[in-house]
Amino acid sequence: MQKIGIEGWTIVHQARQKHYDDMFYGQFLATREDGRWMVGRMFAGESMDDGFRAGEWAFSQRFAGPRSTDNADVALEAYVGMSHVTYVWDRVFEQRVGEAIDQFWAGPEVPNLPKIAAGWQESDAGHRNPARGHTIPLPFHEAKYQLLQYLRRTELGAKAHLTRGVTIDRHQAVELVREATRPVRFEYGYNTYWLAS
């Protein structure tokens, strides 16, 4: 992971491309260990490599609320919005950035951890065939990434807003997965999620 700026921001995602005016435009999404997130615009330039000047950038917006997941969620929204101004947007832009955030949160491979499977299921679907998904046993960090992806893709269907105060919230769910070093199972909204051997 590339670090930039004197404050040591870690770039989680960046995009840069040539526009019809023969100039290159780009942007980046970065975070710090304290849970802050930043959306930045690179300098316009004549190549893919001149977006940063002495480790600095043209413009940035920072998100520094008390919960890192909330900061990441609003930063993602701002980052997708900026992609239209920097000409890097495409149909799967938001999906790819969400994948990059989840990959960052899953962390690097940790030696000696057992392989584990990730999964989810509707907890009370009201019918006999609840929606579900699961993986085969994977290296631990890959299973964490897959579970974070399940959380992201099923959030709307979990209807967590209807169970506020009954189950954990999105921030707590993401933190459980990020910090996991062994099997874990939890309810988020009307869905159950797990890492299991």
C-alpha atoms as a PDB file:
ATOM      1  CA  MET A   1       0.000   0.000   0.000  1.00  0.00           C
ATOM      2  CA  GLN A   2       1.320   3.393  -0.994  1.00  0.00           C
ATOM      3  CA  LYS A   3       1.586   6.105   1.679  1.00  0.00           C
ATOM      4  CA  ILE A   4       1.374   9.778   0.773  1.00  0.00           C
ATOM      5  CA  GLY A   5       1.620  13.159   2.484  1.00  0.00           C
ATOM      6  CA  ILE A   6       3.357  14.098   5.699  1.00  0.00           C
ATOM      7  CA  GLU A   7       0.438  12.717   7.730  1.00  0.00           C
ATOM      8  CA  GLY A   8       0.960   9.222   6.287  1.00  0.00           C
ATOM      9  CA  TRP A   9      -2.277   8.565   4.419  1.00  0.00           C
ATOM     10  CA  THR A  10      -2.554   5.044   2.965  1.00  0.00           C
ATOM     11  CA  ILE A  11      -4.074   4.909  -0.513  1.00  0.00           C
ATOM     12  CA  VAL A  12      -6.860   2.319  -0.702  1.00  0.00           C
ATOM     13  CA  HIS A  13      -7.942   3.055  -4.288  1.00  0.00           C
ATOM     14  CA  GLN A  14      -6.833   5.389  -7.062  1.00  0.00           C
ATOM     15  CA  ALA A  15      -7.930   6.018 -10.619  1.00  0.00           C
ATOM     16  CA  ARG A  16      -6.359   8.153 -13.326  1.00  0.00           C
ATOM     17  CA  GLN A  17      -6.862   8.301 -17.055  1.00  0.00           C
ATOM     18  CA  LYS A  18      -6.414  10.422 -20.147  1.00  0.00           C
ATOM     19  CA  HIS A  19      -9.282  12.681 -21.165  1.00  0.00           C
ATOM     20  CA  TYR A  20     -10.143  13.907 -24.670  1.00  0.00           C
ATOM     21  CA  ASP A  21      -8.120  17.117 -24.062  1.00  0.00           C
ATOM     22  CA  ASP A  22      -4.959  14.926 -23.833  1.00  0.00           C
ATOM     23  CA  MET A  23      -4.598  15.700 -20.125  1.00  0.00           C
ATOM     24  CA  PHE A  24      -4.626  13.060 -17.390  1.00  0.00           C
ATOM     25  CA  TYR A  25      -7.077  13.441 -14.503  1.00  0.00           C
ATOM     26  CA  GLY A  26      -7.398  11.302 -11.414  1.00  0.00           C
ATOM     27  CA  GLN A  27      -8.381  10.851  -7.820  1.00  0.00           C
ATOM     28  CA  PHE A  28      -7.647   8.659  -4.815  1.00  0.00           C
ATOM     29  CA  LEU A  29      -9.267   7.314  -1.652  1.00  0.00           C
ATOM     30  CA  ALA A  30      -7.069   7.083   1.434  1.00  0.00           C
ATOM     31  CA  THR A  31      -7.265   6.345   5.147  1.00  0.00           C
ATOM     32  CA  ARG A  32      -5.213   6.600   8.312  1.00  0.00           C
ATOM     33  CA  GLU A  33      -4.874   4.251  11.281  1.00  0.00           C
ATOM     34  CA  ASP A  34      -7.039   6.559  13.407  1.00  0.00           C
ATOM     35  CA  GLY A  35     -10.118   5.793  11.267  1.00  0.00           C
ATOM     36  CA  ARG A  36     -10.170   8.999   9.232  1.00  0.00           C
ATOM     37  CA  TRP A  37     -10.785   8.764   5.483  1.00  0.00           C
ATOM     38  CA  MET A  38      -9.964  11.179   2.678  1.00  0.00           C
ATOM     39  CA  VAL A  39     -11.062  11.686  -0.912  1.00  0.00           C
ATOM     40  CA  GLY A  40      -8.451  13.513  -2.959  1.00  0.00           C
ATOM     41  CA  ARG A  41      -8.124  14.861  -6.467  1.00  0.00           C
ATOM     42  CA  MET A  42      -4.763  14.473  -8.178  1.00  0.00           C
ATOM     43  CA  PHE A  43      -3.158  17.266 -10.159  1.00  0.00           C
ATOM     44  CA  ALA A  44      -4.090  17.270 -13.836  1.00  0.00           C
ATOM     45  CA  GLY A  45      -1.005  16.370 -15.847  1.00  0.00           C
ATOM     46  CA  GLU A  46       0.554  15.038 -18.987  1.00  0.00           C
ATOM     47  CA  SER A  47       1.100  11.445 -17.828  1.00  0.00           C
ATOM     48  CA  MET A  48      -0.190   8.737 -15.532  1.00  0.00           C
ATOM     49  CA  ASP A  49       2.673   9.486 -13.140  1.00  0.00           C
ATOM     50  CA  ASP A  50       2.416  13.223 -12.467  1.00  0.00           C
ATOM     51  CA  GLY A  51      -0.745  13.295 -10.311  1.00  0.00           C
ATOM     52  CA  PHE A  52       1.200  13.836  -7.087  1.00  0.00           C
ATOM     53  CA  ARG A  53       3.847  16.531  -6.646  1.00  0.00           C
ATOM     54  CA  ALA A  54       6.307  15.878  -3.842  1.00  0.00           C
ATOM     55  CA  GLY A  55       3.714  13.543  -2.323  1.00  0.00           C
ATOM     56  CA  GLU A  56       0.985  16.212  -2.351  1.00  0.00           C
ATOM     57  CA  TRP A  57      -2.266  16.507  -4.316  1.00  0.00           C
ATOM     58  CA  ALA A  58      -4.552  19.191  -5.746  1.00  0.00           C
ATOM     59  CA  PHE A  59      -7.616  18.975  -3.468  1.00  0.00           C
ATOM     60  CA  SER A  60      -8.999  16.785  -0.694  1.00  0.00           C
ATOM     61  CA  GLN A  61     -12.002  16.312   1.539  1.00  0.00           C
ATOM     62  CA  ARG A  62     -11.606  14.544   4.894  1.00  0.00           C
ATOM     63  CA  PHE A  63     -14.059  12.478   6.918  1.00  0.00           C
ATOM     64  CA  ALA A  64     -13.231  12.333  10.606  1.00  0.00           C
ATOM     65  CA  GLY A  65     -16.308  11.236  12.533  1.00  0.00           C
ATOM     66  CA  PRO A  66     -15.989   8.941  15.560  1.00  0.00           C
ATOM     67  CA  ARG A  67     -16.658   5.687  13.635  1.00  0.00           C
ATOM     68  CA  SER A  68     -14.322   4.543  10.865  1.00  0.00           C
ATOM     69  CA  THR A  69     -16.996   2.562   8.998  1.00  0.00           C
ATOM     70  CA  ASP A  70     -19.248   5.622   8.794  1.00  0.00           C
ATOM     71  CA  ASN A  71     -16.268   7.679   7.591  1.00  0.00           C
ATOM     72  CA  ALA A  72     -15.514   5.093   4.891  1.00  0.00           C
ATOM     73  CA  ASP A  73     -19.155   4.965   3.766  1.00  0.00           C
ATOM     74  CA  VAL A  74     -19.464   8.739   3.299  1.00  0.00           C
ATOM     75  CA  ALA A  75     -16.002   8.885   1.713  1.00  0.00           C
ATOM     76  CA  LEU A  76     -17.068   6.210  -0.785  1.00  0.00           C
ATOM     77  CA  GLU A  77     -20.126   8.276  -1.710  1.00  0.00           C
ATOM     78  CA  ALA A  78     -18.001  11.411  -2.171  1.00  0.00           C
ATOM     79  CA  TYR A  79     -15.395   9.438  -4.120  1.00  0.00           C
ATOM     80  CA  VAL A  80     -17.994   8.128  -6.577  1.00  0.00           C
ATOM     81  CA  GLY A  81     -19.357  11.680  -6.955  1.00  0.00           C
ATOM     82  CA  MET A  82     -15.881  13.021  -7.685  1.00  0.00           C
ATOM     83  CA  SER A  83     -15.308  10.357 -10.354  1.00  0.00           C
ATOM     84  CA  HIS A  84     -17.625  12.246 -12.714  1.00  0.00           C
ATOM     85  CA  VAL A  85     -15.500  15.396 -12.397  1.00  0.00           C
ATOM     86  CA  THR A  86     -12.195  13.576 -12.891  1.00  0.00           C
ATOM     87  CA  TYR A  87     -13.539  11.534 -15.821  1.00  0.00           C
ATOM     88  CA  VAL A  88     -12.712   8.127 -14.288  1.00  0.00           C
ATOM     89  CA  TRP A  89     -16.276   6.905 -13.653  1.00  0.00           C
ATOM     90  CA  ASP A  90     -17.602   3.767 -15.322  1.00  0.00           C
ATOM     91  CA  ARG A  91     -20.502   1.390 -14.628  1.00  0.00           C
ATOM     92  CA  VAL A  92     -18.625  -0.731 -12.102  1.00  0.00           C
ATOM     93  CA  PHE A  93     -16.634   2.061 -10.437  1.00  0.00           C
ATOM     94  CA  GLU A  94     -18.489   1.975  -7.103  1.00  0.00           C
ATOM     95  CA  GLN A  95     -18.327  -1.824  -6.994  1.00  0.00           C
ATOM     96  CA  ARG A  96     -14.556  -1.854  -7.559  1.00  0.00           C
ATOM     97  CA  VAL A  97     -13.981   0.794  -4.900  1.00  0.00           C
ATOM     98  CA  GLY A  98     -16.142  -1.140  -2.405  1.00  0.00           C
ATOM     99  CA  GLU A  99     -14.047  -4.226  -3.153  1.00  0.00           C
ATOM    100  CA  ALA A 100     -10.846  -2.240  -2.539  1.00  0.00           C
ATOM    101  CA  ILE A 101     -12.144  -0.999   0.830  1.00  0.00           C
ATOM    102  CA  ASP A 102     -13.123  -4.529   1.881  1.00  0.00           C
ATOM    103  CA  GLN A 103      -9.745  -5.897   0.747  1.00  0.00           C
ATOM    104  CA  PHE A 104      -8.017  -3.233   2.843  1.00  0.00           C
ATOM    105  CA  TRP A 105     -10.183  -4.059   5.874  1.00  0.00           C
ATOM    106  CA  ALA A 106      -9.583  -7.806   5.510  1.00  0.00           C
ATOM    107  CA  GLY A 107      -5.893  -7.102   5.972  1.00  0.00           C
ATOM    108  CA  PRO A 108      -2.859  -9.073   4.878  1.00  0.00           C
ATOM    109  CA  GLU A 109      -2.485 -12.807   5.196  1.00  0.00           C
ATOM    110  CA  VAL A 110      -1.628 -13.904   8.742  1.00  0.00           C
ATOM    111  CA  PRO A 111       0.567 -17.009   8.878  1.00  0.00           C
ATOM    112  CA  ASN A 112      -0.615 -20.100  10.777  1.00  0.00           C
ATOM    113  CA  LEU A 113      -4.309 -19.224  10.852  1.00  0.00           C
ATOM    114  CA  PRO A 114      -6.568 -22.091   9.761  1.00  0.00           C
ATOM    115  CA  LYS A 115      -8.606 -21.981   6.576  1.00  0.00           C
ATOM    116  CA  ILE A 116     -12.150 -20.869   7.210  1.00  0.00           C
ATOM    117  CA  ALA A 117     -15.396 -20.402   5.272  1.00  0.00           C
ATOM    118  CA  ALA A 118     -17.538 -17.268   5.118  1.00  0.00           C
ATOM    119  CA  GLY A 119     -21.306 -17.299   4.809  1.00  0.00           C
ATOM    120  CA  TRP A 120     -24.619 -15.549   5.323  1.00  0.00           C
ATOM    121  CA  GLN A 121     -28.302 -16.449   5.412  1.00  0.00           C
ATOM    122  CA  GLU A 122     -31.608 -14.688   5.903  1.00  0.00           C
ATOM    123  CA  SER A 123     -32.390 -15.268   9.584  1.00  0.00           C
ATOM    124  CA  ASP A 124     -36.168 -15.212   9.301  1.00  0.00           C
ATOM    125  CA  ALA A 125     -37.194 -15.048   5.684  1.00  0.00           C
ATOM    126  CA  GLY A 126     -40.775 -16.126   6.355  1.00  0.00           C
ATOM    127  CA  HIS A 127     -40.480 -18.953   3.828  1.00  0.00           C
ATOM    128  CA  ARG A 128     -38.809 -22.320   3.587  1.00  0.00           C
ATOM    129  CA  ASN A 129     -35.933 -21.367   1.279  1.00  0.00           C
ATOM    130  CA  PRO A 130     -34.115 -18.372   2.749  1.00  0.00           C
ATOM    131  CA  ALA A 131     -31.520 -16.653   0.573  1.00  0.00           C
ATOM    132  CA  ARG A 132     -27.955 -17.545   1.501  1.00  0.00           C
ATOM    133  CA  GLY A 133     -24.398 -17.773   0.310  1.00  0.00           C
ATOM    134  CA  HIS A 134     -21.159 -19.332   1.489  1.00  0.00           C
ATOM    135  CA  THR A 135     -17.619 -20.059   0.404  1.00  0.00           C
ATOM    136  CA  ILE A 136     -15.359 -23.066   0.582  1.00  0.00           C
ATOM    137  CA  PRO A 137     -12.645 -22.898   3.286  1.00  0.00           C
ATOM    138  CA  LEU A 138     -10.244 -20.114   2.324  1.00  0.00           C
ATOM    139  CA  PRO A 139      -7.139 -18.526   3.845  1.00  0.00           C
ATOM    140  CA  PHE A 140      -8.364 -16.460   6.784  1.00  0.00           C
ATOM    141  CA  HIS A 141      -7.868 -12.991   5.238  1.00  0.00           C
ATOM    142  CA  GLU A 142      -9.650 -14.109   2.041  1.00  0.00           C
ATOM    143  CA  ALA A 143     -12.613 -15.413   4.054  1.00  0.00           C
ATOM    144  CA  LYS A 144     -12.771 -12.090   5.913  1.00  0.00           C
ATOM    145  CA  TYR A 145     -12.798 -10.264   2.563  1.00  0.00           C
ATOM    146  CA  GLN A 146     -15.620 -12.490   1.296  1.00  0.00           C
ATOM    147  CA  LEU A 147     -17.650 -11.897   4.470  1.00  0.00           C
ATOM    148  CA  LEU A 148     -17.157  -8.124   4.147  1.00  0.00           C
ATOM    149  CA  GLN A 149     -18.364  -8.437   0.537  1.00  0.00           C
ATOM    150  CA  TYR A 150     -21.438 -10.383   1.705  1.00  0.00           C
ATOM    151  CA  LEU A 151     -22.156  -7.595   4.211  1.00  0.00           C
ATOM    152  CA  ARG A 152     -21.856  -4.951   1.496  1.00  0.00           C
ATOM    153  CA  ARG A 153     -23.974  -6.800  -1.083  1.00  0.00           C
ATOM    154  CA  THR A 154     -26.747  -7.913   1.301  1.00  0.00           C
ATOM    155  CA  GLU A 155     -27.031  -4.762   3.412  1.00  0.00           C
ATOM    156  CA  LEU A 156     -30.219  -3.565   1.738  1.00  0.00           C
ATOM    157  CA  GLY A 157     -31.905  -6.965   2.077  1.00  0.00           C
ATOM    158  CA  ALA A 158     -30.881  -7.252   5.735  1.00  0.00           C
ATOM    159  CA  LYS A 159     -33.291  -4.378   6.490  1.00  0.00           C
ATOM    160  CA  ALA A 160     -31.113  -3.358   9.423  1.00  0.00           C
ATOM    161  CA  HIS A 161     -33.095  -0.120   9.842  1.00  0.00           C
ATOM    162  CA  LEU A 162     -36.036  -2.262  11.033  1.00  0.00           C
ATOM    163  CA  THR A 163     -33.972  -3.945  13.763  1.00  0.00           C
ATOM    164  CA  ARG A 164     -32.154  -0.895  15.140  1.00  0.00           C
ATOM    165  CA  GLY A 165     -31.284  -1.593  18.780  1.00  0.00           C
ATOM    166  CA  VAL A 166     -32.028  -5.324  18.383  1.00  0.00           C
ATOM    167  CA  THR A 167     -28.978  -6.454  16.403  1.00  0.00           C
ATOM    168  CA  ILE A 168     -25.566  -4.927  15.943  1.00  0.00           C
ATOM    169  CA  ASP A 169     -25.237  -2.105  13.413  1.00  0.00           C
ATOM    170  CA  ARG A 170     -23.103  -1.957  10.260  1.00  0.00           C
ATOM    171  CA  HIS A 171     -20.097  -0.432  12.015  1.00  0.00           C
ATOM    172  CA  GLN A 172     -20.130  -3.127  14.701  1.00  0.00           C
ATOM    173  CA  ALA A 173     -20.526  -5.872  12.063  1.00  0.00           C
ATOM    174  CA  VAL A 174     -17.581  -4.593  10.019  1.00  0.00           C
ATOM    175  CA  GLU A 175     -15.439  -4.256  13.152  1.00  0.00           C
ATOM    176  CA  LEU A 176     -16.255  -7.847  14.204  1.00  0.00           C
ATOM    177  CA  VAL A 177     -15.024  -9.112  10.840  1.00  0.00           C
ATOM    178  CA  ARG A 178     -11.961  -6.858  10.746  1.00  0.00           C
ATOM    179  CA  GLU A 179     -10.825  -7.940  14.197  1.00  0.00           C
ATOM    180  CA  ALA A 180     -11.670 -11.646  13.802  1.00  0.00           C
ATOM    181  CA  THR A 181      -8.865 -14.139  14.410  1.00  0.00           C
ATOM    182  CA  ARG A 182     -11.179 -17.125  14.952  1.00  0.00           C
ATOM    183  CA  PRO A 183     -14.701 -18.213  13.937  1.00  0.00           C
ATOM    184  CA  VAL A 184     -17.421 -15.641  14.542  1.00  0.00           C
ATOM    185  CA  ARG A 185     -21.205 -15.534  14.061  1.00  0.00           C
ATOM    186  CA  PHE A 186     -23.503 -12.511  14.361  1.00  0.00           C
ATOM    187  CA  GLU A 187     -26.900 -11.106  13.422  1.00  0.00           C
ATOM    188  CA  TYR A 188     -27.078  -7.912  11.388  1.00  0.00           C
ATOM    189  CA  GLY A 189     -30.620  -6.851  10.670  1.00  0.00           C
ATOM    190  CA  TYR A 190     -32.590  -9.838   9.431  1.00  0.00           C
ATOM    191  CA  ASN A 191     -29.480 -11.719   8.290  1.00  0.00           C
ATOM    192  CA  THR A 192     -26.957 -14.007  10.010  1.00  0.00           C
ATOM    193  CA  TYR A 193     -23.283 -13.865   8.998  1.00  0.00           C
ATOM    194  CA  TRP A 194     -20.379 -16.110   9.970  1.00  0.00           C
ATOM    195  CA  LEU A 195     -16.814 -17.252   9.638  1.00  0.00           C
ATOM    196  CA  ALA A 196     -16.733 -20.970  10.436  1.00  0.00           C
ATOM    197  CA  SER A 197     -14.292 -23.868  10.054  1.00  0.00           C
END
